[in-house]
Structures are given as structure tokens and as C-alpha cells.
Amino acid sequence: MFVINNFILALAKILDVALTIYTFIIIFRAVISWVNPDPYNPIVVFLYRVTEPVLRPIRRLPFLRNLGIDISPVIVILIIFFLQYFLVQTLTDLASRL
């Protein structure tokens, strides 16, 4: 049983780190969007390729289209926080009960 326990705990920690890194990537993308970045810069291309598949569906929500400001990064970060507090904590609790 300790093998399954350690596996689930490791999975929870890796998921937590991955979600934290993705949060910072979204923050960097939002900060870069405030200036006029070079669209051919490799860093800018990477940030757009990594974040656009997640941000695009949020932007398409009907109640967010007419705001005049893009709050999709804020919504995605809130979803990531929810996943960190709910999913990661649930996996950690599951591992401790096995």
C-alpha cells in the first residue's frame, strides 16, 4: 500500500508544481501584453502558444465579450487556484488515508 500512497502523493506534488508554473506563465503573458512586444520574439511566441489554447475558450464566453478589457487571465488563474486547493489537496488526503 505504501507504493500507491507514495505514487499518489508524488502525483499531487507534480500537479501542484505544474499548476504553479502555468500560473506564472499566464502572469508573464498578461504583463507582456501591456507593452507592444515583438510578435517574432521566441519568448513571446512560446508564451502565446502555451497560453492561447486555455485563454481562447474563456474569451469566447458571451458575458466577457463586451467588457472592453480582457479578464480571461484572471479567470484562468482563479480556476488554477481552485484546482490547486481542491484537486491537489484531495489527492494528498487520499494518499494519507491509504
PDB file of N, CA and C in Angstrom:
ATOM      1  N   MET A   1       0.805  -1.201   0.000  1.00  0.00           N
ATOM      2  CA  MET A   1       0.000   0.000   0.000  1.00  0.00           C
ATOM      3  C   MET A   1       0.847   1.263   0.000  1.00  0.00           C
ATOM      4  N   PHE A   2       2.038   1.216   0.592  1.00  0.00           N
ATOM      5  CA  PHE A   2       2.847   2.419   0.658  1.00  0.00           C
ATOM      6  C   PHE A   2       3.314   2.864  -0.726  1.00  0.00           C
ATOM      7  N   VAL A   3       3.379   1.938  -1.679  1.00  0.00           N
ATOM      8  CA  VAL A   3       3.775   2.303  -3.041  1.00  0.00           C
ATOM      9  C   VAL A   3       2.691   3.160  -3.688  1.00  0.00           C
ATOM     10  N   ILE A   4       1.449   2.753  -3.540  1.00  0.00           N
ATOM     11  CA  ILE A   4       0.336   3.533  -4.089  1.00  0.00           C
ATOM     12  C   ILE A   4       0.248   4.880  -3.374  1.00  0.00           C
ATOM     13  N   ASN A   5       0.464   4.867  -2.064  1.00  0.00           N
ATOM     14  CA  ASN A   5       0.461   6.095  -1.282  1.00  0.00           C
ATOM     15  C   ASN A   5       1.509   7.078  -1.807  1.00  0.00           C
ATOM     16  N   ASN A   6       2.733   6.600  -1.998  1.00  0.00           N
ATOM     17  CA  ASN A   6       3.803   7.464  -2.489  1.00  0.00           C
ATOM     18  C   ASN A   6       3.553   7.922  -3.921  1.00  0.00           C
ATOM     19  N   PHE A   7       2.979   7.057  -4.735  1.00  0.00           N
ATOM     20  CA  PHE A   7       2.678   7.422  -6.116  1.00  0.00           C
ATOM     21  C   PHE A   7       1.649   8.551  -6.178  1.00  0.00           C
ATOM     22  N   ILE A   8       0.586   8.436  -5.417  1.00  0.00           N
ATOM     23  CA  ILE A   8      -0.460   9.470  -5.415  1.00  0.00           C
ATOM     24  C   ILE A   8       0.081  10.765  -4.830  1.00  0.00           C
ATOM     25  N   LEU A   9       0.892  10.677  -3.800  1.00  0.00           N
ATOM     26  CA  LEU A   9       1.491  11.870  -3.206  1.00  0.00           C
ATOM     27  C   LEU A   9       2.441  12.558  -4.189  1.00  0.00           C
ATOM     28  N   ALA A  10       3.241  11.784  -4.898  1.00  0.00           N
ATOM     29  CA  ALA A  10       4.139  12.358  -5.905  1.00  0.00           C
ATOM     30  C   ALA A  10       3.346  12.989  -7.044  1.00  0.00           C
ATOM     31  N   LEU A  11       2.271  12.345  -7.446  1.00  0.00           N
ATOM     32  CA  LEU A  11       1.412  12.891  -8.495  1.00  0.00           C
ATOM     33  C   LEU A  11       0.798  14.226  -8.056  1.00  0.00           C
ATOM     34  N   ALA A  12       0.380  14.312  -6.812  1.00  0.00           N
ATOM     35  CA  ALA A  12      -0.192  15.555  -6.291  1.00  0.00           C
ATOM     36  C   ALA A  12       0.849  16.673  -6.263  1.00  0.00           C
ATOM     37  N   LYS A  13       2.064  16.357  -5.861  1.00  0.00           N
ATOM     38  CA  LYS A  13       3.111  17.373  -5.805  1.00  0.00           C
ATOM     39  C   LYS A  13       3.502  17.851  -7.197  1.00  0.00           C
ATOM     40  N   ILE A  14       3.614  16.925  -8.146  1.00  0.00           N
ATOM     41  CA  ILE A  14       3.953  17.302  -9.520  1.00  0.00           C
ATOM     42  C   ILE A  14       2.843  18.160 -10.123  1.00  0.00           C
ATOM     43  N   LEU A  15       1.601  17.802  -9.861  1.00  0.00           N
ATOM     44  CA  LEU A  15       0.476  18.589 -10.354  1.00  0.00           C
ATOM     45  C   LEU A  15       0.485  19.986  -9.745  1.00  0.00           C
ATOM     46  N   ASP A  16       0.810  20.092  -8.472  1.00  0.00           N
ATOM     47  CA  ASP A  16       0.877  21.382  -7.803  1.00  0.00           C
ATOM     48  C   ASP A  16       1.964  22.256  -8.415  1.00  0.00           C
ATOM     49  N   VAL A  17       3.129  21.696  -8.655  1.00  0.00           N
ATOM     50  CA  VAL A  17       4.234  22.459  -9.252  1.00  0.00           C
ATOM     51  C   VAL A  17       3.884  22.868 -10.684  1.00  0.00           C
ATOM     52  N   ALA A  18       3.291  21.974 -11.449  1.00  0.00           N
ATOM     53  CA  ALA A  18       2.928  22.294 -12.826  1.00  0.00           C
ATOM     54  C   ALA A  18       1.891  23.415 -12.883  1.00  0.00           C
ATOM     55  N   LEU A  19       0.909  23.371 -11.989  1.00  0.00           N
ATOM     56  CA  LEU A  19      -0.094  24.425 -11.965  1.00  0.00           C
ATOM     57  C   LEU A  19       0.509  25.762 -11.530  1.00  0.00           C
ATOM     58  N   THR A  20       1.450  25.733 -10.612  1.00  0.00           N
ATOM     59  CA  THR A  20       2.123  26.958 -10.183  1.00  0.00           C
ATOM     60  C   THR A  20       2.944  27.560 -11.324  1.00  0.00           C
ATOM     61  N   ILE A  21       3.667  26.738 -12.039  1.00  0.00           N
ATOM     62  CA  ILE A  21       4.455  27.217 -13.176  1.00  0.00           C
ATOM     63  C   ILE A  21       3.543  27.804 -14.245  1.00  0.00           C
ATOM     64  N   TYR A  22       2.417  27.143 -14.514  1.00  0.00           N
ATOM     65  CA  TYR A  22       1.487  27.642 -15.517  1.00  0.00           C
ATOM     66  C   TYR A  22       0.864  28.967 -15.075  1.00  0.00           C
ATOM     67  N   THR A  23       0.640  29.145 -13.781  1.00  0.00           N
ATOM     68  CA  THR A  23       0.142  30.421 -13.272  1.00  0.00           C
ATOM     69  C   THR A  23       1.132  31.538 -13.584  1.00  0.00           C
ATOM     70  N   PHE A  24       2.414  31.289 -13.351  1.00  0.00           N
ATOM     71  CA  PHE A  24       3.420  32.308 -13.646  1.00  0.00           C
ATOM     72  C   PHE A  24       3.521  32.580 -15.144  1.00  0.00           C
ATOM     73  N   ILE A  25       3.367  31.569 -15.958  1.00  0.00           N
ATOM     74  CA  ILE A  25       3.393  31.770 -17.406  1.00  0.00           C
ATOM     75  C   ILE A  25       2.236  32.671 -17.833  1.00  0.00           C
ATOM     76  N   ILE A  26       1.061  32.459 -17.269  1.00  0.00           N
ATOM     77  CA  ILE A  26      -0.087  33.308 -17.598  1.00  0.00           C
ATOM     78  C   ILE A  26       0.144  34.737 -17.113  1.00  0.00           C
ATOM     79  N   ILE A  27       0.735  34.891 -15.947  1.00  0.00           N
ATOM     80  CA  ILE A  27       1.039  36.237 -15.448  1.00  0.00           C
ATOM     81  C   ILE A  27       2.042  36.932 -16.365  1.00  0.00           C
ATOM     82  N   PHE A  28       3.078  36.223 -16.793  1.00  0.00           N
ATOM     83  CA  PHE A  28       4.052  36.815 -17.710  1.00  0.00           C
ATOM     84  C   PHE A  28       3.399  37.211 -19.025  1.00  0.00           C
ATOM     85  N   ARG A  29       2.485  36.378 -19.503  1.00  0.00           N
ATOM     86  CA  ARG A  29       1.787  36.715 -20.747  1.00  0.00           C
ATOM     87  C   ARG A  29       0.954  37.984 -20.573  1.00  0.00           C
ATOM     88  N   ALA A  30       0.277  38.109 -19.450  1.00  0.00           N
ATOM     89  CA  ALA A  30      -0.530  39.305 -19.211  1.00  0.00           C
ATOM     90  C   ALA A  30       0.346  40.545 -19.111  1.00  0.00           C
ATOM     91  N   VAL A  31       1.475  40.450 -18.444  1.00  0.00           N
ATOM     92  CA  VAL A  31       2.369  41.598 -18.309  1.00  0.00           C
ATOM     93  C   VAL A  31       2.946  41.981 -19.672  1.00  0.00           C
ATOM     94  N   ILE A  32       3.322  41.003 -20.465  1.00  0.00           N
ATOM     95  CA  ILE A  32       3.868  41.295 -21.791  1.00  0.00           C
ATOM     96  C   ILE A  32       2.816  41.932 -22.693  1.00  0.00           C
ATOM     97  N   SER A  33       1.561  41.605 -22.495  1.00  0.00           N
ATOM     98  CA  SER A  33       0.515  42.179 -23.341  1.00  0.00           C
ATOM     99  C   SER A  33       0.306  43.670 -23.065  1.00  0.00           C
ATOM    100  N   TRP A  34       0.801  44.184 -21.957  1.00  0.00           N
ATOM    101  CA  TRP A  34       0.672  45.610 -21.653  1.00  0.00           C
ATOM    102  C   TRP A  34       1.594  46.463 -22.519  1.00  0.00           C
ATOM    103  N   VAL A  35       2.698  45.885 -22.968  1.00  0.00           N
ATOM    104  CA  VAL A  35       3.609  46.587 -23.873  1.00  0.00           C
ATOM    105  C   VAL A  35       3.374  46.052 -25.283  1.00  0.00           C
ATOM    106  N   ASN A  36       4.053  46.604 -26.230  1.00  0.00           N
ATOM    107  CA  ASN A  36       3.901  46.151 -27.610  1.00  0.00           C
ATOM    108  C   ASN A  36       5.073  45.214 -27.933  1.00  0.00           C
ATOM    109  N   PRO A  37       4.932  43.908 -27.641  1.00  0.00           N
ATOM    110  CA  PRO A  37       6.067  43.007 -27.840  1.00  0.00           C
ATOM    111  C   PRO A  37       6.263  42.676 -29.315  1.00  0.00           C
ATOM    112  N   ASP A  38       7.472  42.290 -29.633  1.00  0.00           N
ATOM    113  CA  ASP A  38       7.778  41.820 -30.976  1.00  0.00           C
ATOM    114  C   ASP A  38       7.125  40.452 -31.162  1.00  0.00           C
ATOM    115  N   PRO A  39       6.199  40.313 -32.114  1.00  0.00           N
ATOM    116  CA  PRO A  39       5.494  39.033 -32.255  1.00  0.00           C
ATOM    117  C   PRO A  39       6.385  37.891 -32.728  1.00  0.00           C
ATOM    118  N   TYR A  40       7.598  38.192 -33.190  1.00  0.00           N
ATOM    119  CA  TYR A  40       8.511  37.146 -33.654  1.00  0.00           C
ATOM    120  C   TYR A  40       9.550  36.767 -32.612  1.00  0.00           C
ATOM    121  N   ASN A  41       9.502  37.394 -31.461  1.00  0.00           N
ATOM    122  CA  ASN A  41      10.409  37.047 -30.378  1.00  0.00           C
ATOM    123  C   ASN A  41      10.075  35.636 -29.900  1.00  0.00           C
ATOM    124  N   PRO A  42      11.074  34.773 -29.747  1.00  0.00           N
ATOM    125  CA  PRO A  42      10.791  33.381 -29.347  1.00  0.00           C
ATOM    126  C   PRO A  42      10.086  33.260 -28.002  1.00  0.00           C
ATOM    127  N   ILE A  43      10.386  34.152 -27.075  1.00  0.00           N
ATOM    128  CA  ILE A  43       9.724  34.095 -25.767  1.00  0.00           C
ATOM    129  C   ILE A  43       8.254  34.440 -25.910  1.00  0.00           C
ATOM    130  N   VAL A  44       7.955  35.460 -26.689  1.00  0.00           N
ATOM    131  CA  VAL A  44       6.569  35.867 -26.906  1.00  0.00           C
ATOM    132  C   VAL A  44       5.801  34.772 -27.636  1.00  0.00           C
ATOM    133  N   VAL A  45       6.438  34.172 -28.639  1.00  0.00           N
ATOM    134  CA  VAL A  45       5.796  33.081 -29.372  1.00  0.00           C
ATOM    135  C   VAL A  45       5.503  31.912 -28.441  1.00  0.00           C
ATOM    136  N   PHE A  46       6.456  31.572 -27.570  1.00  0.00           N
ATOM    137  CA  PHE A  46       6.244  30.488 -26.611  1.00  0.00           C
ATOM    138  C   PHE A  46       5.088  30.800 -25.672  1.00  0.00           C
ATOM    139  N   LEU A  47       5.068  32.014 -25.120  1.00  0.00           N
ATOM    140  CA  LEU A  47       4.001  32.389 -24.184  1.00  0.00           C
ATOM    141  C   LEU A  47       2.632  32.327 -24.853  1.00  0.00           C
ATOM    142  N   TYR A  48       2.541  32.785 -26.085  1.00  0.00           N
ATOM    143  CA  TYR A  48       1.256  32.762 -26.776  1.00  0.00           C
ATOM    144  C   TYR A  48       0.835  31.337 -27.116  1.00  0.00           C
ATOM    145  N   ARG A  49       1.776  30.514 -27.536  1.00  0.00           N
ATOM    146  CA  ARG A  49       1.435  29.119 -27.892  1.00  0.00           C
ATOM    147  C   ARG A  49       1.005  28.301 -26.684  1.00  0.00           C
ATOM    148  N   VAL A  50       1.596  28.578 -25.542  1.00  0.00           N
ATOM    149  CA  VAL A  50       1.287  27.801 -24.344  1.00  0.00           C
ATOM    150  C   VAL A  50      -0.019  28.248 -23.702  1.00  0.00           C
ATOM    151  N   THR A  51      -0.309  29.539 -23.759  1.00  0.00           N
ATOM    152  CA  THR A  51      -1.471  30.040 -23.031  1.00  0.00           C
ATOM    153  C   THR A  51      -2.723  30.220 -23.887  1.00  0.00           C
ATOM    154  N   GLU A  52      -2.562  30.414 -25.168  1.00  0.00           N
ATOM    155  CA  GLU A  52      -3.730  30.703 -26.005  1.00  0.00           C
ATOM    156  C   GLU A  52      -4.770  29.585 -26.024  1.00  0.00           C
ATOM    157  N   PRO A  53      -4.400  28.295 -26.050  1.00  0.00           N
ATOM    158  CA  PRO A  53      -5.443  27.252 -26.026  1.00  0.00           C
ATOM    159  C   PRO A  53      -6.305  27.269 -24.768  1.00  0.00           C
ATOM    160  N   VAL A  54      -5.796  27.801 -23.674  1.00  0.00           N
ATOM    161  CA  VAL A  54      -6.570  27.867 -22.441  1.00  0.00           C
ATOM    162  C   VAL A  54      -7.356  29.177 -22.361  1.00  0.00           C
ATOM    163  N   LEU A  55      -6.756  30.263 -22.821  1.00  0.00           N
ATOM    164  CA  LEU A  55      -7.404  31.569 -22.709  1.00  0.00           C
ATOM    165  C   LEU A  55      -8.502  31.777 -23.760  1.00  0.00           C
ATOM    166  N   ARG A  56      -8.348  31.203 -24.936  1.00  0.00           N
ATOM    167  CA  ARG A  56      -9.315  31.422 -26.016  1.00  0.00           C
ATOM    168  C   ARG A  56     -10.737  31.004 -25.656  1.00  0.00           C
ATOM    169  N   PRO A  57     -10.963  29.818 -25.072  1.00  0.00           N
ATOM    170  CA  PRO A  57     -12.355  29.461 -24.725  1.00  0.00           C
ATOM    171  C   PRO A  57     -12.964  30.385 -23.675  1.00  0.00           C
ATOM    172  N   ILE A  58     -12.146  30.899 -22.770  1.00  0.00           N
ATOM    173  CA  ILE A  58     -12.656  31.823 -21.755  1.00  0.00           C
ATOM    174  C   ILE A  58     -13.069  33.137 -22.412  1.00  0.00           C
ATOM    175  N   ARG A  59     -12.276  33.601 -23.379  1.00  0.00           N
ATOM    176  CA  ARG A  59     -12.605  34.850 -24.074  1.00  0.00           C
ATOM    177  C   ARG A  59     -13.897  34.753 -24.872  1.00  0.00           C
ATOM    178  N   ARG A  60     -14.249  33.562 -25.294  1.00  0.00           N
ATOM    179  CA  ARG A  60     -15.447  33.372 -26.120  1.00  0.00           C
ATOM    180  C   ARG A  60     -16.741  33.346 -25.316  1.00  0.00           C
ATOM    181  N   LEU A  61     -16.654  33.369 -24.002  1.00  0.00           N
ATOM    182  CA  LEU A  61     -17.867  33.387 -23.193  1.00  0.00           C
ATOM    183  C   LEU A  61     -18.645  34.672 -23.472  1.00  0.00           C
ATOM    184  N   PRO A  62     -19.956  34.569 -23.657  1.00  0.00           N
ATOM    185  CA  PRO A  62     -20.721  35.736 -24.090  1.00  0.00           C
ATOM    186  C   PRO A  62     -20.696  36.910 -23.112  1.00  0.00           C
ATOM    187  N   PHE A  63     -20.666  36.656 -21.823  1.00  0.00           N
ATOM    188  CA  PHE A  63     -20.703  37.755 -20.861  1.00  0.00           C
ATOM    189  C   PHE A  63     -19.354  38.454 -20.699  1.00  0.00           C
ATOM    190  N   LEU A  64     -18.295  37.942 -21.334  1.00  0.00           N
ATOM    191  CA  LEU A  64     -16.983  38.577 -21.247  1.00  0.00           C
ATOM    192  C   LEU A  64     -16.611  39.344 -22.509  1.00  0.00           C
ATOM    193  N   ARG A  65     -17.412  39.240 -23.543  1.00  0.00           N
ATOM    194  CA  ARG A  65     -17.043  39.842 -24.824  1.00  0.00           C
ATOM    195  C   ARG A  65     -17.129  41.359 -24.822  1.00  0.00           C
ATOM    196  N   ASN A  66     -18.057  41.946 -24.134  1.00  0.00           N
ATOM    197  CA  ASN A  66     -18.298  43.381 -24.229  1.00  0.00           C
ATOM    198  C   ASN A  66     -17.759  44.163 -23.035  1.00  0.00           C
ATOM    199  N   LEU A  67     -16.783  43.636 -22.346  1.00  0.00           N
ATOM    200  CA  LEU A  67     -16.248  44.331 -21.175  1.00  0.00           C
ATOM    201  C   LEU A  67     -15.244  45.418 -21.541  1.00  0.00           C
ATOM    202  N   GLY A  68     -14.583  45.270 -22.662  1.00  0.00           N
ATOM    203  CA  GLY A  68     -13.576  46.243 -23.053  1.00  0.00           C
ATOM    204  C   GLY A  68     -12.198  45.951 -22.487  1.00  0.00           C
ATOM    205  N   ILE A  69     -12.096  44.994 -21.608  1.00  0.00           N
ATOM    206  CA  ILE A  69     -10.817  44.586 -21.033  1.00  0.00           C
ATOM    207  C   ILE A  69     -10.809  43.057 -20.973  1.00  0.00           C
ATOM    208  N   ASP A  70      -9.641  42.508 -21.215  1.00  0.00           N
ATOM    209  CA  ASP A  70      -9.506  41.052 -21.230  1.00  0.00           C
ATOM    210  C   ASP A  70      -9.228  40.560 -19.805  1.00  0.00           C
ATOM    211  N   ILE A  71     -10.219  39.936 -19.190  1.00  0.00           N
ATOM    212  CA  ILE A  71     -10.023  39.393 -17.843  1.00  0.00           C
ATOM    213  C   ILE A  71      -9.884  37.871 -17.865  1.00  0.00           C
ATOM    214  N   SER A  72      -9.677  37.302 -19.060  1.00  0.00           N
ATOM    215  CA  SER A  72      -9.525  35.850 -19.150  1.00  0.00           C
ATOM    216  C   SER A  72      -8.324  35.336 -18.358  1.00  0.00           C
ATOM    217  N   PRO A  73      -7.170  36.036 -18.294  1.00  0.00           N
ATOM    218  CA  PRO A  73      -6.091  35.523 -17.441  1.00  0.00           C
ATOM    219  C   PRO A  73      -6.484  35.436 -15.971  1.00  0.00           C
ATOM    220  N   VAL A  74      -7.264  36.390 -15.495  1.00  0.00           N
ATOM    221  CA  VAL A  74      -7.701  36.365 -14.093  1.00  0.00           C
ATOM    222  C   VAL A  74      -8.603  35.159 -13.845  1.00  0.00           C
ATOM    223  N   ILE A  75      -9.502  34.890 -14.772  1.00  0.00           N
ATOM    224  CA  ILE A  75     -10.415  33.759 -14.615  1.00  0.00           C
ATOM    225  C   ILE A  75      -9.650  32.442 -14.653  1.00  0.00           C
ATOM    226  N   VAL A  76      -8.676  32.332 -15.558  1.00  0.00           N
ATOM    227  CA  VAL A  76      -7.883  31.095 -15.638  1.00  0.00           C
ATOM    228  C   VAL A  76      -7.051  30.914 -14.374  1.00  0.00           C
ATOM    229  N   ILE A  77      -6.505  31.982 -13.838  1.00  0.00           N
ATOM    230  CA  ILE A  77      -5.727  31.874 -12.598  1.00  0.00           C
ATOM    231  C   ILE A  77      -6.626  31.456 -11.437  1.00  0.00           C
ATOM    232  N   LEU A  78      -7.840  31.959 -11.394  1.00  0.00           N
ATOM    233  CA  LEU A  78      -8.775  31.521 -10.354  1.00  0.00           C
ATOM    234  C   LEU A  78      -9.117  30.038 -10.503  1.00  0.00           C
ATOM    235  N   ILE A  79      -9.261  29.579 -11.730  1.00  0.00           N
ATOM    236  CA  ILE A  79      -9.516  28.151 -11.962  1.00  0.00           C
ATOM    237  C   ILE A  79      -8.315  27.322 -11.519  1.00  0.00           C
ATOM    238  N   ILE A  80      -7.119  27.809 -11.797  1.00  0.00           N
ATOM    239  CA  ILE A  80      -5.912  27.094 -11.364  1.00  0.00           C
ATOM    240  C   ILE A  80      -5.840  27.047  -9.838  1.00  0.00           C
ATOM    241  N   PHE A  81      -6.147  28.158  -9.177  1.00  0.00           N
ATOM    242  CA  PHE A  81      -6.161  28.153  -7.707  1.00  0.00           C
ATOM    243  C   PHE A  81      -7.178  27.151  -7.172  1.00  0.00           C
ATOM    244  N   PHE A  82      -8.350  27.090  -7.805  1.00  0.00           N
ATOM    245  CA  PHE A  82      -9.351  26.115  -7.384  1.00  0.00           C
ATOM    246  C   PHE A  82      -8.807  24.699  -7.535  1.00  0.00           C
ATOM    247  N   LEU A  83      -8.155  24.418  -8.662  1.00  0.00           N
ATOM    248  CA  LEU A  83      -7.590  23.081  -8.873  1.00  0.00           C
ATOM    249  C   LEU A  83      -6.506  22.776  -7.845  1.00  0.00           C
ATOM    250  N   GLN A  84      -5.718  23.776  -7.504  1.00  0.00           N
ATOM    251  CA  GLN A  84      -4.676  23.544  -6.506  1.00  0.00           C
ATOM    252  C   GLN A  84      -5.273  23.275  -5.127  1.00  0.00           C
ATOM    253  N   TYR A  85      -6.280  24.021  -4.765  1.00  0.00           N
ATOM    254  CA  TYR A  85      -6.863  23.831  -3.434  1.00  0.00           C
ATOM    255  C   TYR A  85      -7.761  22.613  -3.353  1.00  0.00           C
ATOM    256  N   PHE A  86      -8.420  22.259  -4.433  1.00  0.00           N
ATOM    257  CA  PHE A  86      -9.345  21.133  -4.396  1.00  0.00           C
ATOM    258  C   PHE A  86      -8.673  19.837  -4.836  1.00  0.00           C
ATOM    259  N   LEU A  87      -8.178  19.802  -6.060  1.00  0.00           N
ATOM    260  CA  LEU A  87      -7.670  18.553  -6.622  1.00  0.00           C
ATOM    261  C   LEU A  87      -6.383  18.095  -5.943  1.00  0.00           C
ATOM    262  N   VAL A  88      -5.439  18.999  -5.779  1.00  0.00           N
ATOM    263  CA  VAL A  88      -4.165  18.620  -5.162  1.00  0.00           C
ATOM    264  C   VAL A  88      -4.387  18.222  -3.707  1.00  0.00           C
ATOM    265  N   GLN A  89      -5.198  18.967  -2.993  1.00  0.00           N
ATOM    266  CA  GLN A  89      -5.467  18.634  -1.595  1.00  0.00           C
ATOM    267  C   GLN A  89      -6.219  17.316  -1.485  1.00  0.00           C
ATOM    268  N   THR A  90      -7.137  17.059  -2.418  1.00  0.00           N
ATOM    269  CA  THR A  90      -7.860  15.791  -2.404  1.00  0.00           C
ATOM    270  C   THR A  90      -6.914  14.616  -2.641  1.00  0.00           C
ATOM    271  N   LEU A  91      -5.990  14.773  -3.587  1.00  0.00           N
ATOM    272  CA  LEU A  91      -5.016  13.706  -3.829  1.00  0.00           C
ATOM    273  C   LEU A  91      -4.100  13.494  -2.624  1.00  0.00           C
ATOM    274  N   THR A  92      -3.708  14.577  -1.974  1.00  0.00           N
ATOM    275  CA  THR A  92      -2.862  14.456  -0.794  1.00  0.00           C
ATOM    276  C   THR A  92      -3.614  13.752   0.347  1.00  0.00           C
ATOM    277  N   ASP A  93      -4.866  14.120   0.547  1.00  0.00           N
ATOM    278  CA  ASP A  93      -5.673  13.464   1.590  1.00  0.00           C
ATOM    279  C   ASP A  93      -5.907  11.994   1.266  1.00  0.00           C
ATOM    280  N   LEU A  94      -6.119  11.705  -0.011  1.00  0.00           N
ATOM    281  CA  LEU A  94      -6.303  10.322  -0.430  1.00  0.00           C
ATOM    282  C   LEU A  94      -5.064   9.494  -0.159  1.00  0.00           C
ATOM    283  N   ALA A  95      -3.921  10.087  -0.443  1.00  0.00           N
ATOM    284  CA  ALA A  95      -2.663   9.368  -0.205  1.00  0.00           C
ATOM    285  C   ALA A  95      -2.419   9.141   1.281  1.00  0.00           C
ATOM    286  N   SER A  96      -2.826  10.085   2.109  1.00  0.00           N
ATOM    287  CA  SER A  96      -2.578   9.908   3.538  1.00  0.00           C
ATOM    288  C   SER A  96      -3.524   8.869   4.164  1.00  0.00           C
ATOM    289  N   ARG A  97      -4.659   8.609   3.525  1.00  0.00           N
ATOM    290  CA  ARG A  97      -5.615   7.651   4.074  1.00  0.00           C
ATOM    291  C   ARG A  97      -5.362   6.216   3.606  1.00  0.00           C
ATOM    292  N   LEU A  98      -4.519   6.056   2.617  1.00  0.00           N
ATOM    293  CA  LEU A  98      -4.242   4.696   2.137  1.00  0.00           C
ATOM    294  C   LEU A  98      -3.256   3.982   3.024  1.00  0.00           C
TER     295      LEU A  98
END
